[in-house]
Amino acid sequence: MEPLVKHTGLVASIDRANIDTDAIIPKQFLKKVDRVGFGKHLFHDWRYLDDEETQINPDFILNKKEYDDASVLLARDNFGCGSSREHAPWALEDFGFKVIIAPSFADIFYNNCIRNGILLVRLKDSEVDELFHFASKTNDAKITADLPNQSIATSDGKAYQFEINDFAKECLIKGLDSIGWTEQFIGKIETFEKTLAQEKPWI
């Protein structure tokens, strides 16, 4: 996956709490095993007026022309709750989202996003309220996420700090999933296996 060090993007806001993974990507679209092509179905029930996805809901924010290039998503509490389907971050990433900001996230969803190169930022409710106000009152509202400094900055000059564990931060900055992170130590792993085979050949 691509490294994520610093990203500036247009903000799209969905003012709802408890957005679950079935809302993010409904179960009927989970048939594919590769990671591409799910962006079309992101928020299917809100983006379309029919099951065949031929009638677009003009009132939904991601269907509005000015949000075609949105890459920062702003939401409310408990984003990504529900099932553990990894297709949810696949759909978000395929649509173009790099950063998601909310007061809280479901744990499994949070980890799945990190493994797929999406930065999830937890901020206080009051700070998220400020960002919603910023997004609603500012034309072409943009946010910059600076992962090394663990900061979020709006295009009108406000800044916020966020916490992230060291492992998640390293994986995102280096563009590594769990397998890629392990492969950094392939030399040590091979040396260990060779030594183990010599010292304990019966294993």
C-alpha atoms as a PDB file:
ATOM      1  CA  MET A   1       0.000   0.000   0.000  1.00  0.00           C
ATOM      2  CA  GLU A   2       1.036   3.627  -0.461  1.00  0.00           C
ATOM      3  CA  PRO A   3       2.821   5.427   2.401  1.00  0.00           C
ATOM      4  CA  LEU A   4       0.743   8.067   4.162  1.00  0.00           C
ATOM      5  CA  VAL A   5       2.911  10.765   5.708  1.00  0.00           C
ATOM      6  CA  LYS A   6       1.089  14.006   5.029  1.00  0.00           C
ATOM      7  CA  HIS A   7      -2.178  14.396   3.177  1.00  0.00           C
ATOM      8  CA  THR A   8      -4.256  17.429   2.249  1.00  0.00           C
ATOM      9  CA  GLY A   9      -7.742  16.768   0.962  1.00  0.00           C
ATOM     10  CA  LEU A  10     -11.230  18.090   0.430  1.00  0.00           C
ATOM     11  CA  VAL A  11     -13.586  17.318   3.324  1.00  0.00           C
ATOM     12  CA  ALA A  12     -16.919  15.525   2.946  1.00  0.00           C
ATOM     13  CA  SER A  13     -19.004  15.333   6.107  1.00  0.00           C
ATOM     14  CA  ILE A  14     -21.717  12.848   7.054  1.00  0.00           C
ATOM     15  CA  ASP A  15     -23.425  14.063  10.204  1.00  0.00           C
ATOM     16  CA  ARG A  16     -24.501  10.683  11.583  1.00  0.00           C
ATOM     17  CA  ALA A  17     -23.410   8.535  14.498  1.00  0.00           C
ATOM     18  CA  ASN A  18     -23.156   4.724  14.494  1.00  0.00           C
ATOM     19  CA  ILE A  19     -22.571   4.350  10.762  1.00  0.00           C
ATOM     20  CA  ASP A  20     -22.085   0.602  10.485  1.00  0.00           C
ATOM     21  CA  THR A  21     -20.201  -1.479   7.968  1.00  0.00           C
ATOM     22  CA  ASP A  22     -23.431  -2.566   6.271  1.00  0.00           C
ATOM     23  CA  ALA A  23     -24.151   1.087   5.515  1.00  0.00           C
ATOM     24  CA  ILE A  24     -20.581   1.550   4.283  1.00  0.00           C
ATOM     25  CA  ILE A  25     -20.751  -1.499   1.981  1.00  0.00           C
ATOM     26  CA  PRO A  26     -23.930  -3.647   2.024  1.00  0.00           C
ATOM     27  CA  LYS A  27     -23.638  -7.428   2.202  1.00  0.00           C
ATOM     28  CA  GLN A  28     -24.779  -8.060  -1.402  1.00  0.00           C
ATOM     29  CA  PHE A  29     -21.515  -6.555  -2.659  1.00  0.00           C
ATOM     30  CA  LEU A  30     -19.176  -8.825  -0.692  1.00  0.00           C
ATOM     31  CA  LYS A  31     -18.826 -11.497  -3.381  1.00  0.00           C
ATOM     32  CA  LYS A  32     -15.495 -10.381  -4.826  1.00  0.00           C
ATOM     33  CA  VAL A  33     -12.207 -11.375  -3.200  1.00  0.00           C
ATOM     34  CA  ASP A  34      -9.947  -8.724  -4.716  1.00  0.00           C
ATOM     35  CA  ARG A  35      -9.859  -5.206  -3.252  1.00  0.00           C
ATOM     36  CA  VAL A  36     -10.775  -3.111  -6.290  1.00  0.00           C
ATOM     37  CA  GLY A  37     -14.135  -1.924  -7.534  1.00  0.00           C
ATOM     38  CA  PHE A  38     -15.915  -1.509  -4.212  1.00  0.00           C
ATOM     39  CA  GLY A  39     -15.879   2.295  -4.298  1.00  0.00           C
ATOM     40  CA  LYS A  40     -18.843   2.293  -6.653  1.00  0.00           C
ATOM     41  CA  HIS A  41     -20.954   0.670  -3.942  1.00  0.00           C
ATOM     42  CA  LEU A  42     -19.787   2.828  -1.023  1.00  0.00           C
ATOM     43  CA  PHE A  43     -22.817   3.993   1.009  1.00  0.00           C
ATOM     44  CA  HIS A  44     -25.024   2.267  -1.571  1.00  0.00           C
ATOM     45  CA  ASP A  45     -28.330   2.756   0.263  1.00  0.00           C
ATOM     46  CA  TRP A  46     -27.711   6.499   0.629  1.00  0.00           C
ATOM     47  CA  ARG A  47     -26.119   7.193  -2.756  1.00  0.00           C
ATOM     48  CA  TYR A  48     -28.717   5.427  -4.894  1.00  0.00           C
ATOM     49  CA  LEU A  49     -32.498   5.366  -5.073  1.00  0.00           C
ATOM     50  CA  ASP A  50     -32.627   1.862  -6.576  1.00  0.00           C
ATOM     51  CA  ASP A  51     -30.859  -1.458  -6.017  1.00  0.00           C
ATOM     52  CA  GLU A  52     -29.358  -1.431  -9.526  1.00  0.00           C
ATOM     53  CA  GLU A  53     -27.506   1.841  -8.843  1.00  0.00           C
ATOM     54  CA  THR A  54     -28.988   3.570 -11.880  1.00  0.00           C
ATOM     55  CA  GLN A  55     -30.782   6.341  -9.981  1.00  0.00           C
ATOM     56  CA  ILE A  56     -28.485   8.634  -8.022  1.00  0.00           C
ATOM     57  CA  ASN A  57     -29.745  10.331  -4.881  1.00  0.00           C
ATOM     58  CA  PRO A  58     -28.979  14.010  -5.624  1.00  0.00           C
ATOM     59  CA  ASP A  59     -29.240  14.973  -1.956  1.00  0.00           C
ATOM     60  CA  PHE A  60     -26.412  12.742  -0.710  1.00  0.00           C
ATOM     61  CA  ILE A  61     -23.160  14.640  -0.248  1.00  0.00           C
ATOM     62  CA  LEU A  62     -20.910  12.288  -2.216  1.00  0.00           C
ATOM     63  CA  ASN A  63     -23.158  12.642  -5.269  1.00  0.00           C
ATOM     64  CA  LYS A  64     -22.629  16.383  -5.411  1.00  0.00           C
ATOM     65  CA  LYS A  65     -20.170  17.544  -8.059  1.00  0.00           C
ATOM     66  CA  GLU A  66     -18.145  19.686  -5.650  1.00  0.00           C
ATOM     67  CA  TYR A  67     -17.244  16.563  -3.624  1.00  0.00           C
ATOM     68  CA  ASP A  68     -15.979  14.428  -6.499  1.00  0.00           C
ATOM     69  CA  ASP A  69     -12.420  14.696  -5.208  1.00  0.00           C
ATOM     70  CA  ALA A  70     -13.153  14.393  -1.482  1.00  0.00           C
ATOM     71  CA  SER A  71     -10.469  12.387   0.328  1.00  0.00           C
ATOM     72  CA  VAL A  72     -11.132  13.339   3.968  1.00  0.00           C
ATOM     73  CA  LEU A  73     -14.309  12.017   5.582  1.00  0.00           C
ATOM     74  CA  LEU A  74     -15.807  13.608   8.687  1.00  0.00           C
ATOM     75  CA  ALA A  75     -18.300  11.615  10.776  1.00  0.00           C
ATOM     76  CA  ARG A  76     -19.700  11.146  14.264  1.00  0.00           C
ATOM     77  CA  ASP A  77     -19.314   8.597  17.085  1.00  0.00           C
ATOM     78  CA  ASN A  78     -18.770   4.874  16.575  1.00  0.00           C
ATOM     79  CA  PHE A  79     -18.004   4.999  12.864  1.00  0.00           C
ATOM     80  CA  GLY A  80     -17.517   1.525  11.373  1.00  0.00           C
ATOM     81  CA  CYS A  81     -19.486  -0.435  13.950  1.00  0.00           C
ATOM     82  CA  GLY A  82     -21.222  -3.702  13.053  1.00  0.00           C
ATOM     83  CA  SER A  83     -19.600  -6.627  11.268  1.00  0.00           C
ATOM     84  CA  SER A  84     -15.844  -7.074  10.853  1.00  0.00           C
ATOM     85  CA  ARG A  85     -15.918  -7.081   7.029  1.00  0.00           C
ATOM     86  CA  GLU A  86     -12.677  -5.762   5.555  1.00  0.00           C
ATOM     87  CA  HIS A  87     -14.615  -4.723   2.466  1.00  0.00           C
ATOM     88  CA  ALA A  88     -15.607  -1.525   4.316  1.00  0.00           C
ATOM     89  CA  PRO A  89     -12.113   0.018   4.225  1.00  0.00           C
ATOM     90  CA  TRP A  90     -11.637  -1.439   0.737  1.00  0.00           C
ATOM     91  CA  ALA A  91     -14.693   0.549  -0.428  1.00  0.00           C
ATOM     92  CA  LEU A  92     -13.586   3.728   1.331  1.00  0.00           C
ATOM     93  CA  GLU A  93     -10.061   3.477  -0.055  1.00  0.00           C
ATOM     94  CA  ASP A  94     -11.265   2.615  -3.560  1.00  0.00           C
ATOM     95  CA  PHE A  95     -13.541   5.667  -3.527  1.00  0.00           C
ATOM     96  CA  GLY A  96     -10.562   7.841  -2.645  1.00  0.00           C
ATOM     97  CA  PHE A  97     -10.689   8.451   1.107  1.00  0.00           C
ATOM     98  CA  LYS A  98      -7.304   8.666   2.830  1.00  0.00           C
ATOM     99  CA  VAL A  99      -8.297  10.146   6.198  1.00  0.00           C
ATOM    100  CA  ILE A 100     -11.403   9.663   8.360  1.00  0.00           C
ATOM    101  CA  ILE A 101     -12.075  11.876  11.376  1.00  0.00           C
ATOM    102  CA  ALA A 102     -14.584  11.056  14.114  1.00  0.00           C
ATOM    103  CA  PRO A 103     -14.821  11.024  17.918  1.00  0.00           C
ATOM    104  CA  SER A 104     -14.640   7.215  18.003  1.00  0.00           C
ATOM    105  CA  PHE A 105     -14.382   4.142  15.778  1.00  0.00           C
ATOM    106  CA  ALA A 106     -15.228   0.482  16.167  1.00  0.00           C
ATOM    107  CA  ASP A 107     -12.011  -1.336  17.117  1.00  0.00           C
ATOM    108  CA  ILE A 108     -12.010  -3.973  14.361  1.00  0.00           C
ATOM    109  CA  PHE A 109     -12.846  -1.375  11.719  1.00  0.00           C
ATOM    110  CA  TYR A 110     -10.060   0.861  13.015  1.00  0.00           C
ATOM    111  CA  ASN A 111      -7.473  -1.905  12.674  1.00  0.00           C
ATOM    112  CA  ASN A 112      -8.760  -2.931   9.240  1.00  0.00           C
ATOM    113  CA  CYS A 113      -8.374   0.653   8.009  1.00  0.00           C
ATOM    114  CA  ILE A 114      -4.810   0.930   9.285  1.00  0.00           C
ATOM    115  CA  ARG A 115      -3.953  -2.317   7.480  1.00  0.00           C
ATOM    116  CA  ASN A 116      -5.336  -0.817   4.271  1.00  0.00           C
ATOM    117  CA  GLY A 117      -3.536   2.525   4.442  1.00  0.00           C
ATOM    118  CA  ILE A 118      -6.354   4.722   5.782  1.00  0.00           C
ATOM    119  CA  LEU A 119      -5.575   7.086   8.655  1.00  0.00           C
ATOM    120  CA  LEU A 120      -8.300   7.223  11.304  1.00  0.00           C
ATOM    121  CA  VAL A 121      -8.182  10.276  13.566  1.00  0.00           C
ATOM    122  CA  ARG A 122      -9.986  10.388  16.899  1.00  0.00           C
ATOM    123  CA  LEU A 123     -10.786  13.896  18.155  1.00  0.00           C
ATOM    124  CA  LYS A 124     -12.904  15.235  20.993  1.00  0.00           C
ATOM    125  CA  ASP A 125     -16.621  15.767  20.341  1.00  0.00           C
ATOM    126  CA  SER A 126     -16.150  19.525  20.635  1.00  0.00           C
ATOM    127  CA  GLU A 127     -13.306  19.456  18.101  1.00  0.00           C
ATOM    128  CA  VAL A 128     -15.355  17.389  15.669  1.00  0.00           C
ATOM    129  CA  ASP A 129     -18.200  19.896  16.113  1.00  0.00           C
ATOM    130  CA  GLU A 130     -15.792  22.661  15.104  1.00  0.00           C
ATOM    131  CA  LEU A 131     -14.752  20.713  12.011  1.00  0.00           C
ATOM    132  CA  PHE A 132     -18.370  20.144  10.998  1.00  0.00           C
ATOM    133  CA  HIS A 133     -18.955  23.883  11.306  1.00  0.00           C
ATOM    134  CA  PHE A 134     -15.819  24.555   9.263  1.00  0.00           C
ATOM    135  CA  ALA A 135     -16.882  22.092   6.545  1.00  0.00           C
ATOM    136  CA  SER A 136     -20.407  23.537   6.300  1.00  0.00           C
ATOM    137  CA  LYS A 137     -19.352  27.198   6.219  1.00  0.00           C
ATOM    138  CA  THR A 138     -16.216  27.026   4.060  1.00  0.00           C
ATOM    139  CA  ASN A 139     -16.189  26.647   0.298  1.00  0.00           C
ATOM    140  CA  ASP A 140     -13.683  24.031  -0.833  1.00  0.00           C
ATOM    141  CA  ALA A 141     -12.962  23.124   2.812  1.00  0.00           C
ATOM    142  CA  LYS A 142      -9.688  21.232   3.097  1.00  0.00           C
ATOM    143  CA  ILE A 143      -7.898  19.495   5.930  1.00  0.00           C
ATOM    144  CA  THR A 144      -4.236  18.525   6.169  1.00  0.00           C
ATOM    145  CA  ALA A 145      -3.281  15.459   8.182  1.00  0.00           C
ATOM    146  CA  ASP A 146       0.365  15.462   9.293  1.00  0.00           C
ATOM    147  CA  LEU A 147       1.050  11.979  10.631  1.00  0.00           C
ATOM    148  CA  PRO A 148       4.638  12.444  11.914  1.00  0.00           C
ATOM    149  CA  ASN A 149       3.449  15.417  13.999  1.00  0.00           C
ATOM    150  CA  GLN A 150       0.074  13.801  14.736  1.00  0.00           C
ATOM    151  CA  SER A 151      -1.802  16.955  13.805  1.00  0.00           C
ATOM    152  CA  ILE A 152      -4.831  17.988  11.809  1.00  0.00           C
ATOM    153  CA  ALA A 153      -5.007  21.497  10.326  1.00  0.00           C
ATOM    154  CA  THR A 154      -7.867  23.204   8.521  1.00  0.00           C
ATOM    155  CA  SER A 155      -7.393  25.485   5.559  1.00  0.00           C
ATOM    156  CA  ASP A 156      -8.568  28.395   7.725  1.00  0.00           C
ATOM    157  CA  GLY A 157      -5.703  27.913  10.182  1.00  0.00           C
ATOM    158  CA  LYS A 158      -7.039  25.846  13.084  1.00  0.00           C
ATOM    159  CA  ALA A 159      -5.003  22.880  14.308  1.00  0.00           C
ATOM    160  CA  TYR A 160      -5.717  19.824  16.441  1.00  0.00           C
ATOM    161  CA  GLN A 161      -3.527  17.089  17.896  1.00  0.00           C
ATOM    162  CA  PHE A 162      -4.454  13.411  17.871  1.00  0.00           C
ATOM    163  CA  GLU A 163      -3.116  10.199  19.371  1.00  0.00           C
ATOM    164  CA  ILE A 164      -2.096   7.075  17.454  1.00  0.00           C
ATOM    165  CA  ASN A 165      -0.139   4.041  18.605  1.00  0.00           C
ATOM    166  CA  ASP A 166       3.437   3.732  17.411  1.00  0.00           C
ATOM    167  CA  PHE A 167       2.888   0.526  15.421  1.00  0.00           C
ATOM    168  CA  ALA A 168      -0.034   1.932  13.415  1.00  0.00           C
ATOM    169  CA  LYS A 169       1.881   5.157  12.812  1.00  0.00           C
ATOM    170  CA  GLU A 170       4.970   3.317  11.538  1.00  0.00           C
ATOM    171  CA  CYS A 171       2.932   1.067   9.232  1.00  0.00           C
ATOM    172  CA  LEU A 172       1.084   4.003   7.667  1.00  0.00           C
ATOM    173  CA  ILE A 173       4.189   6.137   7.185  1.00  0.00           C
ATOM    174  CA  LYS A 174       6.108   3.241   5.614  1.00  0.00           C
ATOM    175  CA  GLY A 175       3.126   1.958   3.628  1.00  0.00           C
ATOM    176  CA  LEU A 176       3.233  -1.465   5.255  1.00  0.00           C
ATOM    177  CA  ASP A 177       0.486  -3.907   6.123  1.00  0.00           C
ATOM    178  CA  SER A 178       1.156  -6.576   8.776  1.00  0.00           C
ATOM    179  CA  ILE A 179       2.860  -8.877   6.259  1.00  0.00           C
ATOM    180  CA  GLY A 180       4.996  -6.068   4.865  1.00  0.00           C
ATOM    181  CA  TRP A 181       6.030  -5.043   8.369  1.00  0.00           C
ATOM    182  CA  THR A 182       7.104  -8.627   9.135  1.00  0.00           C
ATOM    183  CA  GLU A 183       9.081  -8.851   5.883  1.00  0.00           C
ATOM    184  CA  GLN A 184      11.350  -6.058   7.136  1.00  0.00           C
ATOM    185  CA  PHE A 185      12.918  -8.678   9.394  1.00  0.00           C
ATOM    186  CA  ILE A 186      13.267 -11.463   6.832  1.00  0.00           C
ATOM    187  CA  GLY A 187      17.041 -11.657   7.363  1.00  0.00           C
ATOM    188  CA  LYS A 188      16.667 -12.137  11.122  1.00  0.00           C
ATOM    189  CA  ILE A 189      13.881 -14.659  10.584  1.00  0.00           C
ATOM    190  CA  GLU A 190      15.995 -16.729   8.194  1.00  0.00           C
ATOM    191  CA  THR A 191      18.965 -16.620  10.583  1.00  0.00           C
ATOM    192  CA  PHE A 192      16.752 -17.736  13.465  1.00  0.00           C
ATOM    193  CA  GLU A 193      15.299 -20.626  11.453  1.00  0.00           C
ATOM    194  CA  LYS A 194      18.757 -21.758  10.342  1.00  0.00           C
ATOM    195  CA  THR A 195      20.104 -21.639  13.901  1.00  0.00           C
ATOM    196  CA  LEU A 196      17.044 -23.435  15.243  1.00  0.00           C
ATOM    197  CA  ALA A 197      17.434 -26.209  12.675  1.00  0.00           C
ATOM    198  CA  GLN A 198      21.046 -26.717  13.741  1.00  0.00           C
ATOM    199  CA  GLU A 199      20.395 -26.596  17.484  1.00  0.00           C
ATOM    200  CA  LYS A 200      17.152 -28.557  17.495  1.00  0.00           C
ATOM    201  CA  PRO A 201      17.041 -30.680  14.332  1.00  0.00           C
ATOM    202  CA  TRP A 202      14.222 -32.788  15.706  1.00  0.00           C
ATOM    203  CA  ILE A 203      11.741 -29.897  15.481  1.00  0.00           C
END
